[in-house]
N, C-alpha and C. Protein backbone atom coordinates (compact mmCIF):
# COMPACT_ATOMS: atom_id res chain seq x y z
N SER A 1 -12.16 -22.66 8.70
CA SER A 1 -13.01 -20.72 9.09
C SER A 1 -12.19 -20.09 7.73
N TRP A 2 -10.58 -20.22 6.82
CA TRP A 2 -9.85 -19.96 6.17
C TRP A 2 -10.52 -19.84 5.15
N ILE A 3 -10.84 -21.63 4.71
CA ILE A 3 -11.51 -21.31 3.52
C ILE A 3 -12.78 -20.12 3.33
N VAL A 4 -13.36 -20.69 3.89
CA VAL A 4 -14.44 -20.04 4.70
C VAL A 4 -14.79 -18.56 4.24
N ALA A 5 -13.25 -18.32 4.64
CA ALA A 5 -12.97 -16.29 4.40
C ALA A 5 -12.78 -16.22 3.11
N ALA A 6 -11.53 -17.11 2.64
CA ALA A 6 -11.96 -16.42 0.92
C ALA A 6 -12.82 -17.16 1.01
N VAL A 7 -13.38 -17.87 0.38
CA VAL A 7 -14.72 -17.90 -0.64
C VAL A 7 -15.83 -16.63 -0.13
N ALA A 8 -16.09 -16.27 1.20
CA ALA A 8 -16.34 -15.39 0.84
C ALA A 8 -15.93 -13.81 0.90
N SER A 9 -14.40 -13.66 0.77
CA SER A 9 -14.66 -12.69 -0.40
C SER A 9 -14.04 -12.82 -1.58
N ASN A 10 -14.48 -13.60 -2.42
CA ASN A 10 -14.68 -14.28 -3.76
C ASN A 10 -15.59 -13.15 -4.14
N PRO A 11 -15.80 -12.34 -5.74
CA PRO A 11 -16.60 -11.51 -6.15
C PRO A 11 -17.73 -12.69 -6.01
N ASN A 12 -17.25 -13.56 -7.33
CA ASN A 12 -18.74 -14.52 -7.25
C ASN A 12 -19.27 -14.87 -6.71
N MET A 13 -19.06 -14.99 -5.47
CA MET A 13 -20.41 -15.07 -4.32
C MET A 13 -21.84 -14.64 -4.37
N PRO A 14 -22.53 -15.44 -4.88
CA PRO A 14 -24.35 -14.05 -4.61
C PRO A 14 -24.34 -13.41 -3.95
N PRO A 15 -24.75 -12.27 -3.54
CA PRO A 15 -25.17 -10.85 -2.97
C PRO A 15 -25.80 -11.27 -1.75
N ALA A 16 -26.49 -12.89 -1.79
CA ALA A 16 -27.54 -13.57 -0.77
C ALA A 16 -26.60 -14.44 0.14
N GLN A 17 -26.51 -14.35 -0.53
CA GLN A 17 -24.70 -15.88 0.47
C GLN A 17 -24.12 -15.04 1.25
N LEU A 18 -23.96 -13.59 0.31
CA LEU A 18 -22.76 -12.94 1.72
C LEU A 18 -23.07 -12.37 2.50
N VAL A 19 -24.28 -11.68 2.33
CA VAL A 19 -25.22 -12.16 3.45
C VAL A 19 -24.90 -12.76 4.85
N ALA A 20 -25.13 -14.20 4.59
CA ALA A 20 -25.46 -15.30 5.38
C ALA A 20 -24.06 -15.33 6.04
N LEU A 21 -23.06 -15.09 5.17
CA LEU A 21 -21.44 -15.01 5.97
C LEU A 21 -21.51 -13.55 7.00
N GLY A 22 -22.00 -13.10 6.34
CA GLY A 22 -20.81 -11.46 6.71
C GLY A 22 -21.76 -12.08 8.60
N LYS A 23 -22.62 -13.16 9.31
CA LYS A 23 -23.47 -12.77 10.66
C LYS A 23 -22.23 -13.97 11.06
N SER A 24 -21.38 -14.40 9.57
CA SER A 24 -20.52 -16.27 10.96
C SER A 24 -20.14 -14.92 11.46
N GLU A 25 -19.82 -16.40 12.73
CA GLU A 25 -19.38 -15.75 14.18
C GLU A 25 -18.48 -16.15 14.20
N ASP A 26 -16.86 -15.93 13.65
CA ASP A 26 -16.10 -16.23 13.13
C ASP A 26 -15.70 -14.94 12.54
N LYS A 27 -14.52 -14.24 12.88
CA LYS A 27 -14.38 -12.69 12.07
C LYS A 27 -13.62 -13.40 11.36
N HIS A 28 -12.57 -14.21 10.37
CA HIS A 28 -12.26 -14.23 9.46
C HIS A 28 -12.83 -13.89 7.66
N VAL A 29 -14.29 -14.61 8.90
CA VAL A 29 -15.34 -14.57 8.01
C VAL A 29 -15.86 -13.66 7.37
N ARG A 30 -16.12 -12.71 8.23
CA ARG A 30 -17.05 -11.33 8.37
C ARG A 30 -15.94 -10.49 7.36
N GLN A 31 -14.07 -10.25 8.50
CA GLN A 31 -13.50 -10.02 7.37
C GLN A 31 -12.86 -10.15 5.74
N GLY A 32 -13.55 -11.69 5.43
CA GLY A 32 -13.49 -11.78 3.65
C GLY A 32 -14.44 -10.96 3.22
N VAL A 33 -16.16 -10.98 3.26
CA VAL A 33 -17.01 -10.08 3.91
C VAL A 33 -17.38 -8.57 3.41
N ALA A 34 -16.32 -8.09 4.34
CA ALA A 34 -15.46 -7.09 3.71
C ALA A 34 -15.38 -6.89 3.09
N GLU A 35 -14.34 -7.14 2.44
CA GLU A 35 -13.20 -6.59 0.72
C GLU A 35 -13.61 -7.18 0.01
N ASN A 36 -15.01 -8.22 -0.14
CA ASN A 36 -15.55 -8.25 -1.24
C ASN A 36 -16.30 -7.14 -2.09
N PRO A 37 -15.97 -6.35 -3.47
CA PRO A 37 -16.33 -5.40 -4.14
C PRO A 37 -17.12 -5.89 -4.06
N LYS A 38 -18.08 -6.97 -4.56
CA LYS A 38 -19.66 -7.49 -4.41
C LYS A 38 -20.66 -7.72 -3.55
N ALA A 39 -20.04 -7.10 -1.65
CA ALA A 39 -21.32 -7.30 -0.94
C ALA A 39 -22.09 -5.63 -1.54
N PRO A 40 -23.09 -5.87 -0.59
CA PRO A 40 -24.44 -5.30 -0.60
C PRO A 40 -23.63 -4.22 0.62
N TRP A 41 -24.65 -2.63 -0.07
CA TRP A 41 -23.60 -1.46 0.09
C TRP A 41 -23.98 -1.72 2.25
N ALA A 42 -25.09 -1.82 2.40
CA ALA A 42 -25.80 -2.06 3.70
C ALA A 42 -24.95 -3.00 5.08
N LEU A 43 -24.73 -3.52 3.97
CA LEU A 43 -23.44 -4.63 5.01
C LEU A 43 -22.37 -4.44 5.38
N LEU A 44 -21.64 -4.08 3.79
CA LEU A 44 -20.72 -2.70 4.11
C LEU A 44 -20.72 -1.94 5.37
N LYS A 45 -21.84 -1.21 4.57
CA LYS A 45 -21.02 -0.07 6.15
C LYS A 45 -21.99 -0.88 7.20
N SER A 46 -23.24 -2.00 7.76
CA SER A 46 -22.08 -2.71 8.89
C SER A 46 -21.40 -3.35 9.06
N LEU A 47 -20.32 -3.97 8.36
CA LEU A 47 -19.06 -4.42 9.21
C LEU A 47 -18.35 -2.89 9.52
N SER A 48 -18.54 -1.88 8.44
CA SER A 48 -17.68 -0.92 9.56
C SER A 48 -17.75 -0.48 10.93
N LYS A 49 -18.64 -0.90 10.87
CA LYS A 49 -18.70 -0.79 12.33
C LYS A 49 -17.95 -1.69 13.29
N GLU A 50 -17.91 -2.47 12.55
CA GLU A 50 -16.80 -3.91 13.67
C GLU A 50 -14.95 -3.20 13.68
N GLU A 51 -14.44 -3.02 14.67
CA GLU A 51 -13.43 -2.54 14.99
C GLU A 51 -12.31 -3.59 13.80
N ALA A 52 -12.38 -5.33 14.15
CA ALA A 52 -12.27 -6.18 13.71
C ALA A 52 -12.01 -6.01 11.94
N CYS A 53 -13.10 -5.63 10.99
CA CYS A 53 -13.53 -5.43 9.60
C CYS A 53 -13.21 -4.48 9.37
N LEU A 54 -13.41 -3.07 10.17
CA LEU A 54 -13.53 -2.11 9.47
C LEU A 54 -11.71 -1.58 8.69
N TRP A 55 -10.67 -2.46 8.50
CA TRP A 55 -9.70 -1.58 7.81
C TRP A 55 -10.04 -2.79 6.73
N TYR A 56 -10.33 -4.08 6.53
CA TYR A 56 -11.30 -4.54 5.35
C TYR A 56 -12.21 -3.92 5.03
N VAL A 57 -12.88 -2.64 5.48
CA VAL A 57 -14.31 -1.88 4.97
C VAL A 57 -13.09 -1.13 3.94
N CYS A 58 -12.00 -0.73 3.80
CA CYS A 58 -11.65 0.47 3.86
C CYS A 58 -10.80 -0.17 2.97
N LYS A 59 -10.64 -0.80 2.63
CA LYS A 59 -9.56 -1.64 1.56
C LYS A 59 -10.78 -2.10 -0.14
N ASN A 60 -11.66 -2.04 0.80
CA ASN A 60 -12.82 -2.75 -0.17
C ASN A 60 -13.47 -1.75 -1.47
N PRO A 61 -12.94 -2.05 -2.63
CA PRO A 61 -12.65 -0.56 -3.97
C PRO A 61 -14.15 -0.67 -3.62
N ALA A 62 -15.28 -0.90 -3.75
CA ALA A 62 -16.51 -0.37 -3.59
C ALA A 62 -17.13 0.60 -1.82
N THR A 63 -16.50 0.64 -1.18
CA THR A 63 -16.86 1.58 -0.43
C THR A 63 -16.77 3.35 -0.65
N ARG A 64 -17.66 3.78 -1.16
CA ARG A 64 -18.07 4.68 -0.65
C ARG A 64 -17.13 5.63 -0.23
N ALA A 65 -17.46 6.99 -1.40
CA ALA A 65 -16.89 8.80 -0.91
C ALA A 65 -16.90 9.12 1.05
N GLU A 66 -18.27 8.91 0.27
CA GLU A 66 -18.52 9.43 2.12
C GLU A 66 -19.19 8.56 3.69
N GLU A 67 -19.16 7.59 2.60
CA GLU A 67 -18.99 6.77 3.48
C GLU A 67 -16.93 7.02 5.24
N LEU A 68 -16.28 7.08 3.64
CA LEU A 68 -14.59 7.04 3.93
C LEU A 68 -14.27 7.85 4.46
N VAL A 69 -15.57 9.26 4.54
CA VAL A 69 -15.15 10.56 5.62
C VAL A 69 -15.70 10.32 6.38
N GLU A 70 -17.06 9.38 6.81
CA GLU A 70 -17.56 8.83 8.03
C GLU A 70 -16.08 8.56 8.81
N ILE A 71 -15.90 7.47 8.63
CA ILE A 71 -15.00 6.53 9.35
C ILE A 71 -13.86 8.10 9.01
N ALA A 72 -13.17 7.74 8.58
CA ALA A 72 -12.09 9.08 9.04
C ALA A 72 -12.28 10.37 9.97
N ASN A 73 -12.79 10.53 10.14
CA ASN A 73 -13.78 11.72 11.12
C ASN A 73 -13.40 10.65 12.71
N GLN A 74 -13.85 9.42 12.34
CA GLN A 74 -13.69 9.30 13.05
C GLN A 74 -12.56 8.24 14.47
N SER A 75 -11.40 7.60 13.00
CA SER A 75 -11.12 7.19 13.73
C SER A 75 -9.07 7.81 13.18
N ASP A 76 -8.43 7.82 14.26
CA ASP A 76 -7.37 8.16 14.48
C ASP A 76 -6.17 7.22 14.16
N ASP A 77 -6.51 5.65 14.00
CA ASP A 77 -5.11 4.33 13.74
C ASP A 77 -4.77 5.12 12.35
N GLU A 78 -3.97 4.72 11.82
CA GLU A 78 -3.01 4.83 11.36
C GLU A 78 -2.40 4.69 10.07
N HIS A 79 -3.61 2.78 10.06
CA HIS A 79 -3.38 2.57 9.11
C HIS A 79 -4.41 3.09 7.86
N VAL A 80 -5.63 2.71 8.92
CA VAL A 80 -7.22 2.91 8.61
C VAL A 80 -6.46 4.34 7.46
N LEU A 81 -6.56 4.58 8.39
CA LEU A 81 -6.43 6.01 7.31
C LEU A 81 -5.27 6.80 6.10
N SER A 82 -4.52 5.09 6.62
CA SER A 82 -3.25 4.99 5.60
C SER A 82 -3.76 4.70 4.44
N ASP A 83 -5.51 3.87 4.46
CA ASP A 83 -6.25 2.94 4.22
C ASP A 83 -7.51 4.03 3.04
N ILE A 84 -7.42 4.39 3.77
CA ILE A 84 -8.46 5.74 2.74
C ILE A 84 -7.73 6.02 2.70
N ALA A 85 -6.23 7.05 2.78
CA ALA A 85 -6.03 7.94 2.45
C ALA A 85 -5.27 7.58 0.28
N LYS A 86 -5.16 5.99 0.24
CA LYS A 86 -5.16 5.95 -1.03
C LYS A 86 -6.12 4.93 -2.03
N HIS A 87 -7.00 5.33 -1.55
CA HIS A 87 -8.10 4.83 -2.29
C HIS A 87 -8.67 5.18 -3.37
N SER A 88 -9.26 4.85 -4.37
CA SER A 88 -9.41 5.78 -5.67
C SER A 88 -10.80 6.67 -5.55
N ASN A 89 -11.29 5.88 -3.82
CA ASN A 89 -13.35 7.16 -3.70
C ASN A 89 -12.39 8.08 -3.17
N THR A 90 -11.73 8.08 -2.49
CA THR A 90 -11.52 8.99 -1.63
C THR A 90 -11.85 10.67 -2.41
N SER A 91 -12.45 11.73 -1.38
CA SER A 91 -12.36 13.62 -1.87
C SER A 91 -10.95 13.63 -2.21
N MET A 92 -11.13 14.59 -3.29
CA MET A 92 -10.00 15.73 -2.61
C MET A 92 -10.17 16.14 -1.25
N LYS A 93 -10.98 16.49 -0.87
CA LYS A 93 -11.03 17.49 -0.16
C LYS A 93 -10.25 16.45 1.24
N LEU A 94 -10.76 16.00 0.82
CA LEU A 94 -9.29 14.84 2.53
C LEU A 94 -9.07 14.39 2.17
N ILE A 95 -8.04 14.11 0.08
CA ILE A 95 -7.20 13.71 0.55
C ILE A 95 -6.24 14.37 0.60
N GLU A 96 -6.68 16.03 0.29
CA GLU A 96 -5.81 17.20 0.58
C GLU A 96 -5.78 17.20 2.36
N LYS A 97 -6.80 17.43 3.15
CA LYS A 97 -6.57 16.77 4.57
C LYS A 97 -5.67 15.67 5.37
N LEU A 98 -5.55 15.03 4.42
CA LEU A 98 -4.43 13.73 5.18
C LEU A 98 -3.22 14.07 5.01
N ALA A 99 -3.52 14.84 3.51
CA ALA A 99 -1.63 15.49 2.91
C ALA A 99 -0.45 15.56 4.44
N LYS A 100 -1.31 16.09 4.99
CA LYS A 100 -0.52 16.71 6.77
C LYS A 100 -0.64 16.50 7.22
N HIS A 101 -1.83 15.24 7.74
CA HIS A 101 -1.64 14.58 8.52
C HIS A 101 0.04 14.70 9.78
N LYS A 102 -0.02 14.13 10.92
CA LYS A 102 0.75 13.21 11.91
C LYS A 102 2.44 12.82 11.13
N GLU A 103 1.23 11.61 11.34
CA GLU A 103 1.54 9.94 10.69
C GLU A 103 2.26 9.91 9.31
N ALA A 104 3.79 9.51 9.56
CA ALA A 104 3.36 10.00 7.46
C ALA A 104 3.53 8.51 7.20
N TRP A 105 2.85 7.49 8.27
CA TRP A 105 2.54 6.46 6.90
C TRP A 105 1.15 6.09 6.11
N VAL A 106 0.26 7.69 6.97
CA VAL A 106 -1.31 8.70 7.08
C VAL A 106 -0.43 8.97 5.28
N ARG A 107 0.86 10.50 5.98
CA ARG A 107 0.34 10.60 4.20
C ARG A 107 1.37 9.26 3.64
N LEU A 108 1.93 8.84 2.98
CA LEU A 108 2.65 7.42 1.82
C LEU A 108 1.41 7.60 1.67
N GLY A 109 0.06 7.12 2.02
CA GLY A 109 -0.99 6.91 1.94
C GLY A 109 -2.25 7.39 1.10
N VAL A 110 -1.61 8.88 0.67
CA VAL A 110 -1.85 9.64 -0.34
C VAL A 110 -1.07 10.19 -1.10
N ALA A 111 0.45 9.81 -1.03
CA ALA A 111 1.00 9.95 -1.93
C ALA A 111 1.20 8.79 -2.99
N ASP A 112 0.35 7.56 -2.51
CA ASP A 112 0.33 6.04 -3.44
C ASP A 112 -0.92 6.02 -3.59
N ASN A 113 -1.87 7.79 -3.86
CA ASN A 113 -3.32 7.57 -4.46
C ASN A 113 -2.74 8.38 -5.83
N PRO A 114 -3.79 6.75 -6.96
CA PRO A 114 -3.28 7.55 -7.69
C PRO A 114 -4.30 9.56 -8.20
N ASN A 115 -4.99 9.13 -8.05
CA ASN A 115 -5.42 10.80 -7.98
C ASN A 115 -4.56 11.61 -7.26
N THR A 116 -3.69 12.02 -6.30
CA THR A 116 -3.54 12.42 -5.63
C THR A 116 -1.94 13.89 -7.03
N PRO A 117 -3.55 15.64 -6.78
CA PRO A 117 -1.84 16.36 -7.73
C PRO A 117 -0.60 15.62 -7.95
N SER A 118 0.46 16.18 -8.41
CA SER A 118 1.45 16.06 -8.67
C SER A 118 2.38 17.01 -7.84
N ALA A 119 1.37 18.49 -7.52
CA ALA A 119 2.75 18.55 -6.59
C ALA A 119 2.27 18.36 -4.79
N VAL A 120 1.33 17.76 -5.09
CA VAL A 120 1.02 17.25 -3.68
C VAL A 120 1.65 16.49 -2.92
N ARG A 121 2.20 15.19 -3.92
CA ARG A 121 2.41 13.57 -3.57
C ARG A 121 4.24 14.41 -3.67
N GLU A 122 4.82 15.63 -4.32
CA GLU A 122 6.25 15.64 -4.71
C GLU A 122 6.45 16.65 -3.24
N LYS A 123 5.46 17.70 -2.68
CA LYS A 123 6.15 18.02 -1.37
C LYS A 123 6.09 17.17 0.18
N ILE A 124 4.72 15.76 -0.51
CA ILE A 124 5.16 14.50 0.61
C ILE A 124 6.40 14.12 0.82
N LEU A 125 7.17 14.31 -0.45
CA LEU A 125 7.93 13.05 -0.39
C LEU A 125 8.75 13.48 -0.27
N ASP A 126 9.69 14.86 -0.52
CA ASP A 126 10.25 15.91 -0.34
C ASP A 126 10.53 15.85 1.13
N GLY A 127 9.56 15.82 1.67
CA GLY A 127 9.71 15.69 3.16
C GLY A 127 9.46 14.70 3.62
N PHE A 128 9.69 13.34 2.69
CA PHE A 128 10.41 11.92 3.88
C PHE A 128 11.85 11.44 3.21
N LEU A 129 12.15 12.55 2.69
CA LEU A 129 14.21 12.40 2.07
C LEU A 129 14.27 13.45 3.78
N THR A 130 14.13 14.73 3.41
CA THR A 130 14.35 14.81 4.69
C THR A 130 13.48 14.30 6.70
N LEU A 131 12.64 13.52 6.43
CA LEU A 131 12.95 12.67 8.47
C LEU A 131 13.54 12.01 8.27
N LYS A 132 14.26 12.11 9.14
CA LYS A 132 15.97 10.93 9.41
C LYS A 132 15.58 10.52 11.05
N PHE A 133 14.88 9.14 10.53
CA PHE A 133 14.26 8.93 11.85
C PHE A 133 16.05 7.57 12.96
N GLU A 134 15.48 7.16 13.67
CA GLU A 134 16.89 6.60 13.42
C GLU A 134 16.58 5.48 12.76
N GLU A 135 15.27 4.46 12.46
CA GLU A 135 14.82 3.22 11.14
C GLU A 135 15.37 3.33 9.94
N ASN A 136 15.24 5.05 10.00
CA ASN A 136 14.84 5.64 8.59
C ASN A 136 14.17 5.77 7.57
N TYR A 137 12.48 5.37 8.79
CA TYR A 137 11.72 5.97 8.26
C TYR A 137 11.17 6.27 6.99
N GLY A 138 12.29 7.70 6.82
CA GLY A 138 11.86 8.33 5.68
C GLY A 138 12.39 7.72 4.31
N ASP A 139 13.17 8.03 4.60
CA ASP A 139 13.58 6.62 3.00
C ASP A 139 13.30 5.64 3.08
N GLU A 140 12.49 4.80 3.25
CA GLU A 140 11.49 3.59 3.07
C GLU A 140 10.25 4.12 2.58
N TYR A 141 9.75 5.44 3.46
CA TYR A 141 9.48 5.84 2.59
C TYR A 141 8.45 6.13 0.87
N VAL A 142 9.64 6.94 1.17
CA VAL A 142 10.58 6.82 -0.40
C VAL A 142 10.60 6.21 -1.21
N ALA A 143 11.23 4.80 -1.14
CA ALA A 143 11.48 4.61 -1.62
C ALA A 143 10.16 2.99 -1.89
N ARG A 144 8.84 2.72 -1.39
CA ARG A 144 7.83 2.48 -1.25
C ARG A 144 6.62 3.18 -1.88
N CYS A 145 6.80 3.93 -2.33
CA CYS A 145 6.56 4.48 -2.46
C CYS A 145 6.14 4.68 -4.37
N ILE A 146 4.70 3.96 -4.77
CA ILE A 146 4.84 4.17 -6.30
C ILE A 146 4.95 4.55 -6.92
N PHE A 147 4.54 6.03 -6.26
CA PHE A 147 4.34 7.20 -7.35
C PHE A 147 5.60 7.94 -7.20
N SER A 148 7.11 6.71 -6.26
CA SER A 148 8.00 8.57 -6.67
C SER A 148 8.46 8.07 -8.41
N THR A 149 9.70 9.71 -8.36
CA THR A 149 9.81 9.31 -9.40
C THR A 149 11.51 8.45 -9.44
N GLU A 150 12.06 8.73 -10.88
CA GLU A 150 13.39 7.77 -11.75
C GLU A 150 14.43 8.73 -9.87
N LYS A 151 14.06 9.92 -9.91
CA LYS A 151 15.04 11.11 -9.82
C LYS A 151 15.05 10.66 -8.77
N VAL A 152 14.42 10.72 -7.65
CA VAL A 152 13.79 10.36 -6.24
C VAL A 152 14.05 8.82 -5.85
N LEU A 153 14.61 8.13 -6.35
CA LEU A 153 14.97 6.12 -5.81
C LEU A 153 16.04 6.32 -6.72
N GLU A 154 17.04 7.04 -7.83
CA GLU A 154 18.04 7.78 -7.70
C GLU A 154 18.71 7.93 -6.90
N ASN A 155 18.26 9.03 -6.22
CA ASN A 155 18.87 9.81 -4.80
C ASN A 155 19.34 8.49 -3.94
N VAL A 156 17.66 7.67 -3.58
CA VAL A 156 17.94 6.97 -2.60
C VAL A 156 18.69 6.18 -2.77
N PHE A 157 18.66 5.19 -4.18
CA PHE A 157 19.76 4.22 -4.59
C PHE A 157 20.98 3.86 -4.09
N GLY A 158 21.69 5.23 -4.56
CA GLY A 158 22.49 6.07 -4.65
C GLY A 158 23.33 6.62 -2.82
N ARG A 159 22.43 6.01 -2.00
CA ARG A 159 23.11 6.16 -0.52
C ARG A 159 23.54 5.71 -0.72
N TYR A 160 22.79 4.62 -0.47
CA TYR A 160 22.19 2.63 -0.09
C TYR A 160 23.40 2.14 -0.27
N LEU A 161 22.94 1.56 -1.43
CA LEU A 161 24.46 1.24 -2.43
C LEU A 161 25.60 0.43 -1.80
N PRO A 162 25.84 1.15 -0.97
CA PRO A 162 27.35 1.20 -0.57
C PRO A 162 27.59 0.96 0.75
N MET A 163 26.08 0.65 1.71
CA MET A 163 26.73 0.61 3.12
C MET A 163 26.17 -0.46 3.79
N GLU A 164 26.70 -1.12 4.59
CA GLU A 164 26.93 -1.67 5.47
C GLU A 164 25.79 -2.08 6.43
N SER A 165 25.11 -1.53 7.39
CA SER A 165 23.76 -1.36 7.92
C SER A 165 23.10 -1.83 7.49
N GLU A 166 22.48 -2.18 8.86
CA GLU A 166 21.20 -3.57 8.20
C GLU A 166 19.47 -2.62 7.49
N SER A 167 19.52 -1.76 7.66
CA SER A 167 18.53 -0.98 6.63
C SER A 167 19.11 -0.67 4.82
N ARG A 168 19.72 -1.33 4.68
CA ARG A 168 20.10 -1.07 3.65
C ARG A 168 18.90 -2.21 2.43
N SER A 169 19.69 -3.61 2.96
CA SER A 169 18.60 -5.00 2.36
C SER A 169 17.00 -4.42 2.60
N ARG A 170 16.46 -3.39 3.45
CA ARG A 170 15.64 -2.62 3.18
C ARG A 170 14.62 -1.57 3.14
N ILE A 171 15.18 -1.19 2.35
CA ILE A 171 15.53 0.23 2.06
C ILE A 171 15.66 -0.72 -0.31
N LEU A 172 17.00 -1.37 -0.02
CA LEU A 172 16.84 -1.79 -1.33
C LEU A 172 16.15 -2.55 -1.64
N GLY A 173 15.18 -3.36 -0.52
CA GLY A 173 13.95 -4.31 -0.85
C GLY A 173 13.25 -3.69 -1.71
N TYR A 174 13.01 -2.68 -0.98
CA TYR A 174 11.67 -1.56 -1.63
C TYR A 174 11.80 -1.36 -2.85
N ILE A 175 13.15 -0.66 -2.82
CA ILE A 175 13.38 0.11 -4.50
C ILE A 175 13.38 -1.54 -5.38
N ALA A 176 14.04 -3.04 -4.96
CA ALA A 176 13.52 -3.68 -6.06
C ALA A 176 12.34 -3.71 -6.47
N THR A 177 10.97 -3.85 -5.01
CA THR A 177 9.87 -4.53 -6.32
C THR A 177 9.38 -2.83 -6.35
N ASN A 178 9.70 -1.65 -6.96
CA ASN A 178 8.94 -0.63 -7.16
C ASN A 178 9.04 -0.44 -8.08
N PRO A 179 7.05 -0.68 -9.15
CA PRO A 179 7.43 -0.79 -10.36
C PRO A 179 7.92 0.14 -11.01
N ASN A 180 8.24 1.68 -10.44
CA ASN A 180 8.97 2.59 -11.02
C ASN A 180 9.91 3.14 -10.89
N ALA A 181 11.41 1.60 -10.61
CA ALA A 181 12.70 2.44 -10.07
C ALA A 181 13.15 1.83 -12.12
N PRO A 182 14.05 2.74 -11.88
CA PRO A 182 14.41 2.42 -13.14
C PRO A 182 14.89 1.12 -13.76
N ALA A 183 15.35 0.99 -14.31
CA ALA A 183 15.85 0.43 -15.54
C ALA A 183 17.28 -0.45 -15.33
N GLU A 184 18.07 0.58 -14.91
CA GLU A 184 19.88 0.33 -14.62
C GLU A 184 19.73 -0.06 -13.20
N ILE A 185 18.54 0.52 -12.58
CA ILE A 185 19.02 -0.56 -10.76
C ILE A 185 17.94 -1.32 -10.35
N LEU A 186 17.61 -1.69 -11.12
CA LEU A 186 17.21 -3.34 -11.64
C LEU A 186 18.62 -4.02 -11.80
N THR A 187 18.63 -3.30 -12.88
CA THR A 187 19.93 -4.15 -13.25
C THR A 187 20.98 -4.38 -13.04
N ARG A 188 21.60 -3.28 -12.07
CA ARG A 188 22.63 -3.47 -10.70
C ARG A 188 21.89 -4.50 -9.35
N LEU A 189 20.42 -4.01 -9.32
CA LEU A 189 20.37 -5.21 -8.04
C LEU A 189 20.34 -6.31 -8.19
N GLY A 190 19.26 -6.94 -9.86
CA GLY A 190 19.64 -8.02 -9.95
C GLY A 190 20.65 -9.33 -9.96
N SER A 191 21.96 -8.39 -9.27
CA SER A 191 23.34 -9.24 -9.24
C SER A 191 23.64 -8.59 -7.81
N ASP A 192 22.48 -8.52 -7.05
CA ASP A 192 23.44 -7.91 -5.41
C ASP A 192 23.88 -8.96 -5.07
N ARG A 193 24.56 -8.42 -3.60
CA ARG A 193 25.18 -9.94 -3.56
C ARG A 193 24.19 -10.40 -2.21
N PHE A 194 22.50 -10.00 -1.75
CA PHE A 194 21.47 -10.70 -0.95
C PHE A 194 20.39 -10.70 -2.25
N SER A 195 20.10 -12.33 -1.60
CA SER A 195 19.47 -12.97 -2.35
C SER A 195 18.28 -12.96 -2.20
N GLU A 196 17.38 -11.54 -1.03
CA GLU A 196 16.07 -11.08 -1.24
C GLU A 196 16.44 -10.02 -2.03
N ILE A 197 17.25 -9.21 -2.21
CA ILE A 197 17.08 -8.28 -3.48
C ILE A 197 16.93 -9.00 -4.96
N ARG A 198 17.27 -10.02 -4.77
CA ARG A 198 17.45 -10.24 -6.29
C ARG A 198 15.70 -11.40 -6.29
N ILE A 199 15.64 -11.98 -5.11
CA ILE A 199 14.07 -12.03 -4.82
C ILE A 199 13.71 -11.01 -5.30
N ALA A 200 13.32 -10.09 -4.46
CA ALA A 200 12.59 -8.66 -5.30
C ALA A 200 12.61 -8.54 -6.16
N VAL A 201 14.06 -8.17 -7.02
CA VAL A 201 13.75 -7.58 -8.74
C VAL A 201 13.10 -8.89 -9.67
N ALA A 202 13.62 -10.25 -8.56
CA ALA A 202 12.68 -10.90 -9.86
C ALA A 202 11.65 -11.55 -9.79
N SER A 203 10.95 -10.16 -8.74
CA SER A 203 9.05 -10.39 -8.59
C SER A 203 8.77 -9.27 -9.01
N ASN A 204 9.37 -7.65 -10.02
CA ASN A 204 8.91 -7.08 -10.18
C ASN A 204 8.26 -6.21 -11.38
N PRO A 205 8.06 -6.00 -12.39
CA PRO A 205 7.59 -6.21 -13.36
C PRO A 205 8.26 -5.86 -14.05
N SER A 206 8.13 -5.13 -13.54
CA SER A 206 8.78 -3.87 -14.14
C SER A 206 10.56 -4.67 -14.58
N THR A 207 10.66 -5.22 -14.53
CA THR A 207 12.51 -5.80 -14.33
C THR A 207 13.05 -6.07 -15.99
N PRO A 208 13.43 -6.14 -16.74
CA PRO A 208 14.57 -5.29 -17.69
C PRO A 208 14.12 -8.13 -18.15
N ILE A 209 14.22 -7.74 -19.40
CA ILE A 209 13.65 -9.41 -19.51
C ILE A 209 15.09 -10.37 -19.30
N GLU A 210 16.49 -8.96 -19.71
CA GLU A 210 17.58 -10.16 -19.96
C GLU A 210 18.22 -10.58 -18.47
N VAL A 211 17.68 -9.48 -17.11
CA VAL A 211 18.01 -9.69 -15.53
C VAL A 211 16.79 -10.38 -15.82
N LEU A 212 15.44 -10.98 -16.04
CA LEU A 212 15.14 -12.45 -16.35
C LEU A 212 15.76 -13.58 -16.14
N ARG A 213 16.01 -13.57 -17.24
CA ARG A 213 16.60 -15.05 -17.55
C ARG A 213 18.95 -15.19 -17.74
N GLN A 214 18.75 -13.40 -17.26
CA GLN A 214 19.88 -13.73 -15.50
C GLN A 214 20.28 -14.78 -14.20
N LEU A 215 18.76 -14.21 -13.73
CA LEU A 215 18.46 -14.49 -12.66
C LEU A 215 17.62 -16.74 -12.61
N SER A 216 16.52 -16.14 -13.87
CA SER A 216 16.21 -18.08 -14.25
C SER A 216 17.41 -18.79 -13.99
N LYS A 217 18.68 -18.43 -14.06
CA LYS A 217 20.30 -19.28 -14.62
C LYS A 217 20.77 -20.09 -12.69
């Protein structure tokens, strides 16, 4: 079923066969269809009524703006709303609404949307820097946001680099994978004492070639 699910998500599949796969008894196959941008619109709309497929429909780049609004008005699932918040088809009106959502994970989705106005994004990121939970989620959201500025990332990096707490690797790991991380930070993390952080640096497309050469030795 996992192989069929992968086939169902392949955009080269003919629409008629996607319709047939959309009726599969296996939810993973239906989920594959739900994330396929070439699936017929009527099929996607039908699959969006299934809780098991809803998340995949929200991640599908072909899902229409009006459908995203309808789902957002009916769902209170923060993961579903986060995917809607970062979707390229989400309307500006809905983006502005979700930017004020009580769940930080939803606001992170807004911050990660390329269409979000810079003023709205900056307000969200500034709010994350003052969001203090025991798990340091506010700093994590800043580190994960692909549109965080170099200045903001340097702020978080400077605070966590000398730490010995468990959250150090988690936060610095997200910075190490962030394509917006400054070259200087990636260079320093490339020689970090923890291998998981060096692995993250090695996978970052923004990592300087000199650092990659050093990591390959």
